[in-house]
């Protein structure tokens, strides 16, 4: 005797197949800044990190620019960012970062303030050959109320310092993350970015924009 298959409990007919899969949750989209003084490696880091072709606004430096930009420690630099760098980096299925590189010169402050609108945090690159050059950038970020982490870009000829010395010289709060990386290295730069993301997410307000 052939038995008659029972009807699915959800009311569908036999042979209809499984129902539609639930829609995947949209990832959280977070805008972050890659900040730091002139010539510290911001463009290089975004170029290393971005999973999409990065957008750059680099221009060749001129003699006129040399009169207003401090080239101490970066004499070999031939180009400079005049607006923004932009890239995108997916950290997980749940988190995507939009990376905005900011100009490092003080004369671009109005543009910097516009770029910072809507950002949840910043990764501040510093150069141990010019640590004092980082203070102005960190002051601007703190005044904007942004969470930030500090990444020491390990230039080949830069002096090495232990973490405690660096934290003391940069006058960092105890909970401000500090890492060392090579901005040219994709994995090291990603680790620095993950450190920033964790710092942001532990302090992000409920209902942060997606």
N, C-alpha and C. Protein backbone atom coordinates (compact mmCIF):
# COMPACT_ATOMS: atom_id res chain seq x y z
N UNK A 1 0.86 -1.18 0.00
CA UNK A 1 0.00 0.00 0.00
C UNK A 1 0.90 1.23 0.00
N UNK A 2 0.62 2.14 -0.93
CA UNK A 2 1.42 3.36 -1.04
C UNK A 2 0.85 4.42 -0.13
N UNK A 3 1.71 4.97 0.72
CA UNK A 3 1.24 6.01 1.64
C UNK A 3 1.22 7.35 0.95
N UNK A 4 0.33 8.21 1.35
CA UNK A 4 0.21 9.55 0.80
C UNK A 4 1.06 10.51 1.62
N UNK A 5 2.02 11.26 0.97
CA UNK A 5 2.87 12.16 1.76
C UNK A 5 2.04 13.23 2.44
N UNK A 6 2.43 13.52 3.64
CA UNK A 6 1.71 14.55 4.39
C UNK A 6 2.07 15.92 3.86
N UNK A 7 1.18 16.87 4.05
CA UNK A 7 1.41 18.25 3.61
C UNK A 7 2.36 18.94 4.55
N UNK A 8 3.24 19.81 4.03
CA UNK A 8 4.14 20.57 4.91
C UNK A 8 3.35 21.40 5.90
N UNK A 9 3.90 21.52 7.07
CA UNK A 9 3.20 22.25 8.13
C UNK A 9 3.04 23.72 7.82
N UNK A 10 3.88 24.27 6.86
CA UNK A 10 3.77 25.70 6.58
C UNK A 10 2.72 26.00 5.53
N UNK A 11 2.01 24.95 5.03
CA UNK A 11 0.93 25.19 4.09
C UNK A 11 1.35 25.13 2.64
N UNK A 12 2.65 24.96 2.35
CA UNK A 12 3.08 24.89 0.97
C UNK A 12 2.79 23.52 0.40
N UNK A 13 2.72 23.39 -0.89
CA UNK A 13 2.45 22.13 -1.55
C UNK A 13 3.72 21.33 -1.68
N UNK A 14 3.61 19.99 -1.69
CA UNK A 14 4.80 19.17 -1.89
C UNK A 14 5.47 19.51 -3.20
N UNK A 15 6.77 19.56 -3.21
CA UNK A 15 7.50 19.85 -4.44
C UNK A 15 7.77 21.33 -4.63
N UNK A 16 7.22 22.17 -3.75
CA UNK A 16 7.47 23.61 -3.88
C UNK A 16 8.92 23.96 -3.55
N UNK A 17 9.62 23.07 -2.83
CA UNK A 17 11.00 23.35 -2.45
C UNK A 17 11.05 24.23 -1.22
N UNK A 18 12.25 24.47 -0.74
CA UNK A 18 12.38 25.29 0.48
C UNK A 18 11.97 26.73 0.22
N UNK A 19 11.54 27.37 1.26
CA UNK A 19 11.14 28.76 1.13
C UNK A 19 12.35 29.66 0.95
N UNK A 20 12.14 30.96 0.69
CA UNK A 20 13.25 31.89 0.48
C UNK A 20 14.11 32.02 1.74
N UNK A 21 15.41 32.14 1.52
CA UNK A 21 16.32 32.32 2.64
C UNK A 21 16.16 33.72 3.23
N UNK A 22 16.34 33.86 4.51
CA UNK A 22 16.25 35.21 5.10
C UNK A 22 17.34 36.11 4.55
N UNK A 23 17.01 37.38 4.37
CA UNK A 23 17.97 38.34 3.83
C UNK A 23 19.14 38.50 4.80
N UNK A 24 20.34 38.57 4.21
CA UNK A 24 21.51 38.76 5.04
C UNK A 24 21.50 40.16 5.66
N UNK A 25 21.97 40.25 6.88
CA UNK A 25 22.02 41.55 7.54
C UNK A 25 23.00 42.46 6.83
N UNK A 26 22.64 43.72 6.72
CA UNK A 26 23.53 44.69 6.09
C UNK A 26 24.73 44.95 7.00
N UNK A 27 25.94 45.05 6.43
CA UNK A 27 27.10 45.34 7.27
C UNK A 27 27.05 46.76 7.82
N UNK A 28 27.69 46.95 8.92
CA UNK A 28 27.82 48.29 9.50
C UNK A 28 28.89 49.05 8.72
N UNK A 29 28.52 50.21 8.19
CA UNK A 29 29.44 51.05 7.44
C UNK A 29 29.95 52.15 8.34
N UNK A 30 31.26 52.21 8.53
CA UNK A 30 31.86 53.15 9.47
C UNK A 30 32.87 54.03 8.73
N UNK A 31 32.72 55.33 8.88
CA UNK A 31 33.67 56.27 8.30
C UNK A 31 34.76 56.57 9.31
N UNK A 32 36.01 56.37 8.90
CA UNK A 32 37.15 56.67 9.77
C UNK A 32 38.15 57.52 9.00
N UNK A 33 38.94 58.27 9.74
CA UNK A 33 39.97 59.11 9.15
C UNK A 33 41.34 58.46 9.31
N UNK A 34 42.17 58.60 8.30
CA UNK A 34 43.59 58.29 8.43
C UNK A 34 44.28 59.64 8.47
N UNK A 35 44.74 60.01 9.65
CA UNK A 35 45.22 61.37 9.88
C UNK A 35 46.68 61.36 10.30
N UNK A 36 47.26 62.54 10.33
CA UNK A 36 48.64 62.67 10.74
C UNK A 36 49.29 63.85 10.06
N UNK A 37 50.47 64.21 10.48
CA UNK A 37 51.15 65.37 9.90
C UNK A 37 51.60 65.10 8.47
N UNK A 38 52.06 66.14 7.84
CA UNK A 38 52.56 66.09 6.47
C UNK A 38 53.66 65.04 6.31
N UNK A 39 53.52 64.18 5.28
CA UNK A 39 54.57 63.23 4.94
C UNK A 39 54.71 62.04 5.86
N UNK A 40 53.65 61.68 6.60
CA UNK A 40 53.78 60.61 7.59
C UNK A 40 53.39 59.24 7.02
N UNK A 41 52.78 59.20 5.82
CA UNK A 41 52.45 57.91 5.21
C UNK A 41 50.98 57.60 5.08
N UNK A 42 50.11 58.61 5.14
CA UNK A 42 48.67 58.38 5.07
C UNK A 42 48.25 57.82 3.71
N UNK A 43 48.72 58.44 2.65
CA UNK A 43 48.39 57.97 1.30
C UNK A 43 48.90 56.56 1.08
N UNK A 44 50.10 56.30 1.55
CA UNK A 44 50.69 54.97 1.42
C UNK A 44 49.85 53.92 2.13
N UNK A 45 49.37 54.23 3.33
CA UNK A 45 48.56 53.28 4.08
C UNK A 45 47.24 52.99 3.38
N UNK A 46 46.56 54.01 2.90
CA UNK A 46 45.28 53.79 2.23
C UNK A 46 45.49 52.99 0.95
N UNK A 47 46.58 53.25 0.26
CA UNK A 47 46.89 52.48 -0.94
C UNK A 47 47.10 51.01 -0.59
N UNK A 48 47.74 50.75 0.54
CA UNK A 48 47.98 49.36 0.96
C UNK A 48 46.71 48.68 1.44
N UNK A 49 45.80 49.42 2.05
CA UNK A 49 44.63 48.84 2.70
C UNK A 49 43.43 48.65 1.78
N UNK A 50 43.22 49.53 0.85
CA UNK A 50 41.94 49.58 0.14
C UNK A 50 41.73 48.35 -0.75
N UNK A 51 40.54 47.77 -0.63
CA UNK A 51 40.18 46.62 -1.47
C UNK A 51 39.63 47.06 -2.81
N UNK A 52 39.36 48.35 -2.95
CA UNK A 52 38.94 48.93 -4.22
C UNK A 52 40.04 49.88 -4.68
N UNK A 53 40.08 50.22 -5.97
CA UNK A 53 41.09 51.19 -6.41
C UNK A 53 40.96 52.48 -5.61
N UNK A 54 41.98 52.86 -4.85
CA UNK A 54 41.86 54.05 -4.00
C UNK A 54 41.80 55.32 -4.82
N UNK A 55 41.14 56.32 -4.25
CA UNK A 55 41.06 57.64 -4.86
C UNK A 55 42.07 58.55 -4.17
N UNK A 56 42.92 59.19 -4.96
CA UNK A 56 43.94 60.07 -4.41
C UNK A 56 43.87 61.44 -5.06
N UNK A 57 44.28 62.47 -4.32
CA UNK A 57 44.40 63.82 -4.88
C UNK A 57 45.81 64.32 -4.61
N UNK A 58 46.78 63.55 -5.06
CA UNK A 58 48.18 63.93 -4.88
C UNK A 58 48.63 64.85 -6.02
N UNK A 59 49.41 65.84 -5.66
CA UNK A 59 50.00 66.75 -6.64
C UNK A 59 51.50 66.87 -6.38
N UNK A 60 52.23 67.15 -7.43
CA UNK A 60 53.66 67.35 -7.30
C UNK A 60 53.93 68.63 -6.52
N UNK A 61 54.82 68.54 -5.54
CA UNK A 61 55.16 69.71 -4.74
C UNK A 61 55.97 70.70 -5.56
N UNK A 62 55.73 71.96 -5.31
CA UNK A 62 56.43 73.03 -6.02
C UNK A 62 57.33 73.80 -5.06
N UNK A 63 58.15 74.65 -5.62
CA UNK A 63 59.03 75.48 -4.79
C UNK A 63 58.20 76.41 -3.91
N UNK A 64 57.05 76.87 -4.42
CA UNK A 64 56.18 77.74 -3.62
C UNK A 64 55.67 77.00 -2.39
N UNK A 65 55.32 75.71 -2.56
CA UNK A 65 54.84 74.93 -1.43
C UNK A 65 55.91 74.70 -0.39
N UNK A 66 57.15 74.60 -0.85
CA UNK A 66 58.26 74.37 0.08
C UNK A 66 58.43 75.53 1.05
N UNK A 67 57.92 76.71 0.68
CA UNK A 67 58.04 77.88 1.54
C UNK A 67 57.08 77.82 2.72
N UNK A 68 56.01 77.01 2.61
CA UNK A 68 55.01 76.95 3.69
C UNK A 68 54.93 75.58 4.35
N UNK A 69 55.46 74.54 3.72
CA UNK A 69 55.42 73.20 4.30
C UNK A 69 56.78 72.86 4.90
N UNK A 70 56.74 72.38 6.13
CA UNK A 70 57.98 72.00 6.82
C UNK A 70 58.45 70.65 6.28
N UNK A 71 59.57 70.65 5.59
CA UNK A 71 60.09 69.42 4.99
C UNK A 71 61.13 68.73 5.87
N UNK A 72 61.30 69.21 7.09
CA UNK A 72 62.27 68.58 7.99
C UNK A 72 61.93 67.11 8.18
N UNK A 73 62.88 66.25 7.87
CA UNK A 73 62.67 64.81 8.03
C UNK A 73 62.04 64.14 6.84
N UNK A 74 61.55 64.91 5.86
CA UNK A 74 60.90 64.32 4.68
C UNK A 74 61.40 65.02 3.41
N UNK A 75 62.68 65.28 3.36
CA UNK A 75 63.26 65.99 2.23
C UNK A 75 63.06 65.27 0.91
N UNK A 76 62.89 63.94 0.99
CA UNK A 76 62.74 63.17 -0.24
C UNK A 76 61.31 63.21 -0.80
N UNK A 77 60.37 63.80 -0.05
CA UNK A 77 58.97 63.80 -0.48
C UNK A 77 58.78 64.70 -1.69
N UNK A 78 58.10 64.19 -2.74
CA UNK A 78 57.93 64.93 -3.98
C UNK A 78 56.48 65.27 -4.28
N UNK A 79 55.52 64.62 -3.59
CA UNK A 79 54.09 64.88 -3.82
C UNK A 79 53.40 65.11 -2.49
N UNK A 80 52.21 65.69 -2.55
CA UNK A 80 51.43 65.94 -1.34
C UNK A 80 49.95 65.84 -1.64
N UNK A 81 49.15 65.39 -0.66
CA UNK A 81 47.70 65.33 -0.81
C UNK A 81 47.11 66.73 -0.64
N UNK A 82 46.30 67.15 -1.61
CA UNK A 82 45.74 68.50 -1.57
C UNK A 82 44.24 68.49 -1.26
N UNK A 83 43.61 67.34 -1.20
CA UNK A 83 42.20 67.26 -0.82
C UNK A 83 42.01 66.04 0.07
N UNK A 84 41.72 64.88 -0.52
CA UNK A 84 41.53 63.67 0.29
C UNK A 84 42.10 62.45 -0.43
N UNK A 85 42.34 61.42 0.36
CA UNK A 85 42.51 60.06 -0.15
C UNK A 85 41.28 59.29 0.30
N UNK A 86 40.87 58.31 -0.49
CA UNK A 86 39.69 57.52 -0.09
C UNK A 86 39.89 56.07 -0.48
N UNK A 87 39.52 55.17 0.43
CA UNK A 87 39.53 53.75 0.16
C UNK A 87 38.47 53.05 0.99
N UNK A 88 38.29 51.77 0.72
CA UNK A 88 37.30 50.96 1.43
C UNK A 88 37.96 49.67 1.88
N UNK A 89 37.66 49.27 3.11
CA UNK A 89 38.23 48.03 3.64
C UNK A 89 37.16 47.27 4.41
N UNK A 90 36.87 46.03 3.99
CA UNK A 90 35.94 45.16 4.70
C UNK A 90 36.71 44.38 5.75
N UNK A 91 36.33 44.55 7.00
CA UNK A 91 36.99 43.82 8.09
C UNK A 91 36.28 42.50 8.38
N UNK A 92 34.97 42.44 8.14
CA UNK A 92 34.20 41.22 8.36
C UNK A 92 32.87 41.37 7.63
N UNK A 93 32.04 40.32 7.70
CA UNK A 93 30.71 40.41 7.08
C UNK A 93 29.86 41.48 7.76
N UNK A 94 30.24 41.83 8.97
CA UNK A 94 29.43 42.79 9.73
C UNK A 94 29.98 44.21 9.72
N UNK A 95 31.23 44.40 9.25
CA UNK A 95 31.86 45.72 9.39
C UNK A 95 32.66 46.10 8.16
N UNK A 96 32.33 47.24 7.59
CA UNK A 96 33.05 47.80 6.44
C UNK A 96 33.50 49.22 6.82
N UNK A 97 34.77 49.51 6.59
CA UNK A 97 35.31 50.83 6.91
C UNK A 97 35.51 51.64 5.63
N UNK A 98 35.05 52.89 5.65
CA UNK A 98 35.37 53.85 4.60
C UNK A 98 36.51 54.71 5.12
N UNK A 99 37.61 54.71 4.40
CA UNK A 99 38.84 55.36 4.85
C UNK A 99 39.03 56.69 4.15
N UNK A 100 39.13 57.75 4.93
CA UNK A 100 39.34 59.08 4.39
C UNK A 100 40.68 59.61 4.89
N UNK A 101 41.61 59.80 3.98
CA UNK A 101 42.89 60.37 4.32
C UNK A 101 42.81 61.89 4.30
N UNK A 102 43.32 62.52 5.33
CA UNK A 102 43.21 63.98 5.45
C UNK A 102 44.54 64.65 5.13
N UNK A 103 44.51 65.85 4.56
CA UNK A 103 45.76 66.59 4.35
C UNK A 103 46.44 66.86 5.69
N UNK A 104 47.77 66.88 5.68
CA UNK A 104 48.49 67.04 6.93
C UNK A 104 48.89 68.47 7.25
N UNK A 105 48.68 69.41 6.31
CA UNK A 105 49.12 70.78 6.53
C UNK A 105 48.02 71.63 7.17
N UNK A 106 48.42 72.53 8.04
CA UNK A 106 47.47 73.34 8.79
C UNK A 106 46.60 74.19 7.88
N UNK A 107 47.14 74.60 6.72
CA UNK A 107 46.36 75.47 5.83
C UNK A 107 45.12 74.77 5.27
N UNK A 108 45.05 73.43 5.40
CA UNK A 108 43.90 72.68 4.91
C UNK A 108 42.88 72.41 6.02
N UNK A 109 42.98 73.11 7.15
CA UNK A 109 42.11 72.84 8.29
C UNK A 109 40.61 72.93 7.94
N UNK A 110 40.14 73.95 7.20
CA UNK A 110 38.71 73.98 6.86
C UNK A 110 38.27 72.74 6.09
N UNK A 111 39.10 72.26 5.17
CA UNK A 111 38.79 71.05 4.43
C UNK A 111 38.79 69.85 5.36
N UNK A 112 39.75 69.80 6.27
CA UNK A 112 39.84 68.70 7.24
C UNK A 112 38.55 68.61 8.05
N UNK A 113 38.03 69.75 8.47
CA UNK A 113 36.81 69.76 9.28
C UNK A 113 35.62 69.22 8.49
N UNK A 114 35.55 69.54 7.20
CA UNK A 114 34.48 69.01 6.36
C UNK A 114 34.61 67.50 6.20
N UNK A 115 35.84 67.02 5.98
CA UNK A 115 36.06 65.59 5.81
C UNK A 115 35.69 64.82 7.08
N UNK A 116 35.95 65.42 8.24
CA UNK A 116 35.70 64.75 9.52
C UNK A 116 34.22 64.61 9.84
N UNK A 117 33.36 65.34 9.15
CA UNK A 117 31.92 65.28 9.42
C UNK A 117 31.41 63.85 9.25
N UNK A 118 30.80 63.31 10.29
CA UNK A 118 30.23 61.97 10.23
C UNK A 118 31.20 60.85 10.54
N UNK A 119 32.47 61.16 10.75
CA UNK A 119 33.44 60.12 11.09
C UNK A 119 33.27 59.67 12.53
N UNK A 120 33.53 58.40 12.79
CA UNK A 120 33.42 57.87 14.15
C UNK A 120 34.77 57.78 14.85
N UNK A 121 35.85 57.91 14.09
CA UNK A 121 37.15 57.81 14.72
C UNK A 121 38.27 58.07 13.73
N UNK A 122 39.50 58.03 14.24
CA UNK A 122 40.66 58.32 13.40
C UNK A 122 41.84 57.46 13.82
N UNK A 123 42.61 57.06 12.82
CA UNK A 123 43.90 56.43 13.06
C UNK A 123 44.96 57.48 12.79
N UNK A 124 45.69 57.87 13.83
CA UNK A 124 46.68 58.92 13.69
C UNK A 124 48.05 58.29 13.47
N UNK A 125 48.65 58.56 12.32
CA UNK A 125 49.99 58.08 12.03
C UNK A 125 51.02 59.06 12.58
N UNK A 126 52.06 58.52 13.20
CA UNK A 126 53.14 59.37 13.70
C UNK A 126 54.48 58.82 13.22
N UNK A 127 55.45 59.70 13.20
CA UNK A 127 56.81 59.39 12.76
C UNK A 127 57.74 59.72 13.92
N UNK A 128 58.51 58.75 14.40
CA UNK A 128 59.35 58.99 15.57
C UNK A 128 60.46 60.00 15.29
N UNK A 129 60.72 60.30 14.02
CA UNK A 129 61.69 61.34 13.70
C UNK A 129 61.10 62.73 13.92
N UNK A 130 59.76 62.80 13.99
CA UNK A 130 59.07 64.09 14.09
C UNK A 130 57.85 63.96 15.00
N UNK A 131 58.02 63.42 16.20
CA UNK A 131 56.87 63.19 17.07
C UNK A 131 56.12 64.47 17.38
N UNK A 132 56.83 65.58 17.56
CA UNK A 132 56.17 66.84 17.92
C UNK A 132 55.19 67.30 16.84
N UNK A 133 55.42 66.87 15.59
CA UNK A 133 54.54 67.29 14.50
C UNK A 133 53.15 66.69 14.63
N UNK A 134 52.99 65.67 15.49
CA UNK A 134 51.70 64.99 15.64
C UNK A 134 50.76 65.69 16.61
N UNK A 135 51.29 66.56 17.46
CA UNK A 135 50.46 67.15 18.51
C UNK A 135 49.29 67.95 17.94
N UNK A 136 49.55 68.74 16.92
CA UNK A 136 48.50 69.58 16.36
C UNK A 136 47.35 68.74 15.82
N UNK A 137 47.68 67.64 15.13
CA UNK A 137 46.64 66.77 14.57
C UNK A 137 45.82 66.14 15.68
N UNK A 138 46.47 65.64 16.72
CA UNK A 138 45.74 65.01 17.82
C UNK A 138 44.87 66.03 18.55
N UNK A 139 45.34 67.26 18.66
CA UNK A 139 44.52 68.31 19.28
C UNK A 139 43.24 68.54 18.48
N UNK A 140 43.37 68.59 17.15
CA UNK A 140 42.21 68.81 16.28
C UNK A 140 41.22 67.66 16.43
N UNK A 141 41.72 66.43 16.46
CA UNK A 141 40.86 65.26 16.59
C UNK A 141 40.15 65.24 17.94
N UNK A 142 40.87 65.57 18.99
CA UNK A 142 40.25 65.61 20.32
C UNK A 142 39.19 66.71 20.39
N UNK A 143 39.47 67.87 19.79
CA UNK A 143 38.49 68.96 19.78
C UNK A 143 37.24 68.57 19.00
N UNK A 144 37.40 67.71 17.98
CA UNK A 144 36.26 67.25 17.20
C UNK A 144 35.48 66.15 17.92
N UNK A 145 36.00 65.67 19.05
CA UNK A 145 35.30 64.64 19.83
C UNK A 145 35.41 63.25 19.24
N UNK A 146 36.43 63.00 18.42
CA UNK A 146 36.58 61.70 17.77
C UNK A 146 37.43 60.76 18.62
N UNK A 147 37.03 59.49 18.65
CA UNK A 147 37.89 58.46 19.22
C UNK A 147 39.05 58.22 18.26
N UNK A 148 40.22 57.91 18.81
CA UNK A 148 41.35 57.66 17.92
C UNK A 148 42.33 56.67 18.52
N UNK A 149 43.08 56.06 17.62
CA UNK A 149 44.21 55.22 17.98
C UNK A 149 45.44 55.79 17.30
N UNK A 150 46.62 55.50 17.83
CA UNK A 150 47.86 56.01 17.27
C UNK A 150 48.66 54.85 16.70
N UNK A 151 49.14 55.03 15.46
CA UNK A 151 49.97 54.03 14.80
C UNK A 151 51.32 54.67 14.46
N UNK A 152 52.39 54.13 15.01
CA UNK A 152 53.73 54.60 14.69
C UNK A 152 54.15 53.96 13.37
N UNK A 153 54.35 54.78 12.35
CA UNK A 153 54.80 54.27 11.05
C UNK A 153 56.31 54.05 11.13
N UNK A 154 56.73 52.80 11.04
CA UNK A 154 58.13 52.44 11.27
C UNK A 154 58.97 52.67 10.01
N UNK A 155 59.37 53.92 9.81
CA UNK A 155 60.28 54.23 8.70
C UNK A 155 61.63 53.55 8.94
N UNK A 156 62.30 53.11 7.86
CA UNK A 156 63.55 52.37 8.03
C UNK A 156 64.62 53.11 8.83
N UNK A 157 64.68 54.43 8.70
CA UNK A 157 65.73 55.18 9.39
C UNK A 157 65.23 55.89 10.64
N UNK A 158 64.01 55.55 11.09
CA UNK A 158 63.44 56.21 12.26
C UNK A 158 63.97 55.58 13.55
N UNK A 159 64.21 56.40 14.58
CA UNK A 159 64.66 55.84 15.86
C UNK A 159 63.58 54.99 16.52
N UNK A 160 64.00 53.97 17.24
CA UNK A 160 63.07 53.07 17.93
C UNK A 160 62.93 53.49 19.39
N UNK A 161 61.71 53.43 19.88
CA UNK A 161 61.44 53.75 21.28
C UNK A 161 60.49 52.70 21.84
N UNK A 162 60.59 52.43 23.13
CA UNK A 162 59.65 51.50 23.73
C UNK A 162 58.29 52.17 23.88
N UNK A 163 57.27 51.35 24.06
CA UNK A 163 55.89 51.84 24.09
C UNK A 163 55.67 52.87 25.19
N UNK A 164 56.23 52.62 26.36
CA UNK A 164 56.05 53.55 27.48
C UNK A 164 56.62 54.92 27.15
N UNK A 165 57.79 54.96 26.52
CA UNK A 165 58.40 56.23 26.16
C UNK A 165 57.55 56.97 25.14
N UNK A 166 57.04 56.24 24.16
CA UNK A 166 56.20 56.86 23.13
C UNK A 166 54.92 57.42 23.74
N UNK A 167 54.27 56.65 24.59
CA UNK A 167 53.03 57.10 25.22
C UNK A 167 53.28 58.35 26.05
N UNK A 168 54.40 58.37 26.75
CA UNK A 168 54.72 59.52 27.58
C UNK A 168 54.99 60.76 26.73
N UNK A 169 55.76 60.59 25.66
CA UNK A 169 56.11 61.74 24.82
C UNK A 169 54.89 62.28 24.09
N UNK A 170 53.98 61.38 23.68
CA UNK A 170 52.78 61.81 22.97
C UNK A 170 51.66 62.21 23.92
N UNK A 171 51.87 62.02 25.22
CA UNK A 171 50.90 62.40 26.25
C UNK A 171 49.55 61.73 26.00
N UNK A 172 49.59 60.41 25.77
CA UNK A 172 48.37 59.66 25.47
C UNK A 172 47.65 59.25 26.74
N UNK A 173 46.33 59.23 26.68
CA UNK A 173 45.53 58.71 27.78
C UNK A 173 45.74 57.21 27.88
N UNK A 174 45.56 56.63 29.07
CA UNK A 174 45.83 55.20 29.24
C UNK A 174 45.03 54.31 28.31
N UNK A 175 43.80 54.72 27.93
CA UNK A 175 42.98 53.86 27.09
C UNK A 175 43.12 54.14 25.59
N UNK A 176 44.03 55.05 25.20
CA UNK A 176 44.25 55.32 23.78
C UNK A 176 45.19 54.25 23.21
N UNK A 177 44.72 53.46 22.24
CA UNK A 177 45.58 52.39 21.70
C UNK A 177 46.80 52.95 20.99
N UNK A 178 47.91 52.25 21.10
CA UNK A 178 49.15 52.61 20.42
C UNK A 178 49.74 51.35 19.80
N UNK A 179 49.98 51.39 18.49
CA UNK A 179 50.55 50.24 17.79
C UNK A 179 51.71 50.73 16.92
N UNK A 180 52.54 49.79 16.49
CA UNK A 180 53.63 50.09 15.56
C UNK A 180 53.38 49.29 14.30
N UNK A 181 53.54 49.92 13.14
CA UNK A 181 53.29 49.22 11.89
C UNK A 181 54.13 49.83 10.77
N UNK A 182 54.18 49.13 9.66
CA UNK A 182 54.77 49.64 8.44
C UNK A 182 53.61 49.96 7.51
N UNK A 183 53.41 51.23 7.20
CA UNK A 183 52.24 51.64 6.41
C UNK A 183 52.23 51.03 5.02
N UNK A 184 53.36 50.53 4.56
CA UNK A 184 53.42 49.90 3.24
C UNK A 184 52.91 48.47 3.27
N UNK A 185 52.84 47.88 4.45
CA UNK A 185 52.47 46.48 4.60
C UNK A 185 50.96 46.34 4.82
N UNK A 186 50.30 45.61 3.95
CA UNK A 186 48.84 45.48 4.01
C UNK A 186 48.38 44.85 5.33
N UNK A 187 49.04 43.78 5.76
CA UNK A 187 48.61 43.08 6.97
C UNK A 187 48.84 43.93 8.21
N UNK A 188 50.01 44.56 8.30
CA UNK A 188 50.29 45.40 9.46
C UNK A 188 49.35 46.59 9.53
N UNK A 189 49.07 47.19 8.38
CA UNK A 189 48.14 48.32 8.35
C UNK A 189 46.75 47.87 8.74
N UNK A 190 46.35 46.68 8.28
CA UNK A 190 45.02 46.15 8.64
C UNK A 190 44.93 45.90 10.14
N UNK A 191 46.01 45.39 10.75
CA UNK A 191 46.00 45.17 12.19
C UNK A 191 45.82 46.49 12.94
N UNK A 192 46.48 47.56 12.46
CA UNK A 192 46.31 48.87 13.08
C UNK A 192 44.87 49.35 12.96
N UNK A 193 44.28 49.09 11.80
CA UNK A 193 42.90 49.50 11.56
C UNK A 193 41.94 48.71 12.44
N UNK A 194 42.21 47.42 12.62
CA UNK A 194 41.38 46.60 13.50
C UNK A 194 41.45 47.10 14.94
N UNK A 195 42.64 47.51 15.37
CA UNK A 195 42.79 48.09 16.71
C UNK A 195 41.92 49.32 16.87
N UNK A 196 41.92 50.19 15.84
CA UNK A 196 41.06 51.38 15.88
C UNK A 196 39.59 50.97 15.91
N UNK A 197 39.20 50.03 15.04
CA UNK A 197 37.80 49.63 14.96
C UNK A 197 37.29 49.09 16.29
N UNK A 198 38.10 48.29 16.96
CA UNK A 198 37.70 47.77 18.27
C UNK A 198 37.55 48.90 19.27
N UNK A 199 38.45 49.87 19.21
CA UNK A 199 38.38 51.01 20.12
C UNK A 199 37.11 51.81 19.87
N UNK A 200 36.77 52.01 18.59
CA UNK A 200 35.55 52.75 18.24
C UNK A 200 34.31 52.00 18.69
N UNK A 201 34.26 50.70 18.37
CA UNK A 201 33.03 49.95 18.61
C UNK A 201 32.74 49.78 20.09
N UNK A 202 33.76 49.78 20.93
CA UNK A 202 33.51 49.67 22.36
C UNK A 202 32.99 50.98 22.94
N UNK A 203 33.11 52.06 22.17
CA UNK A 203 32.69 53.37 22.65
C UNK A 203 31.63 54.02 21.77
N UNK A 204 31.23 53.35 20.70
CA UNK A 204 30.26 53.94 19.78
C UNK A 204 28.90 54.05 20.45
N UNK A 205 28.19 55.17 20.25
CA UNK A 205 26.86 55.31 20.83
C UNK A 205 25.88 54.36 20.19
N UNK A 206 24.87 53.97 20.95
CA UNK A 206 23.83 53.12 20.41
C UNK A 206 23.16 53.81 19.23
N UNK A 207 22.90 53.06 18.16
CA UNK A 207 22.27 53.66 17.00
C UNK A 207 23.26 54.35 16.08
N UNK A 208 24.53 53.94 16.14
CA UNK A 208 25.53 54.53 15.25
C UNK A 208 25.11 54.32 13.82
N UNK A 209 25.39 55.29 12.92
CA UNK A 209 24.91 55.20 11.55
C UNK A 209 25.47 54.00 10.81
N UNK A 210 24.63 53.43 9.94
CA UNK A 210 25.06 52.33 9.09
C UNK A 210 25.38 52.84 7.71
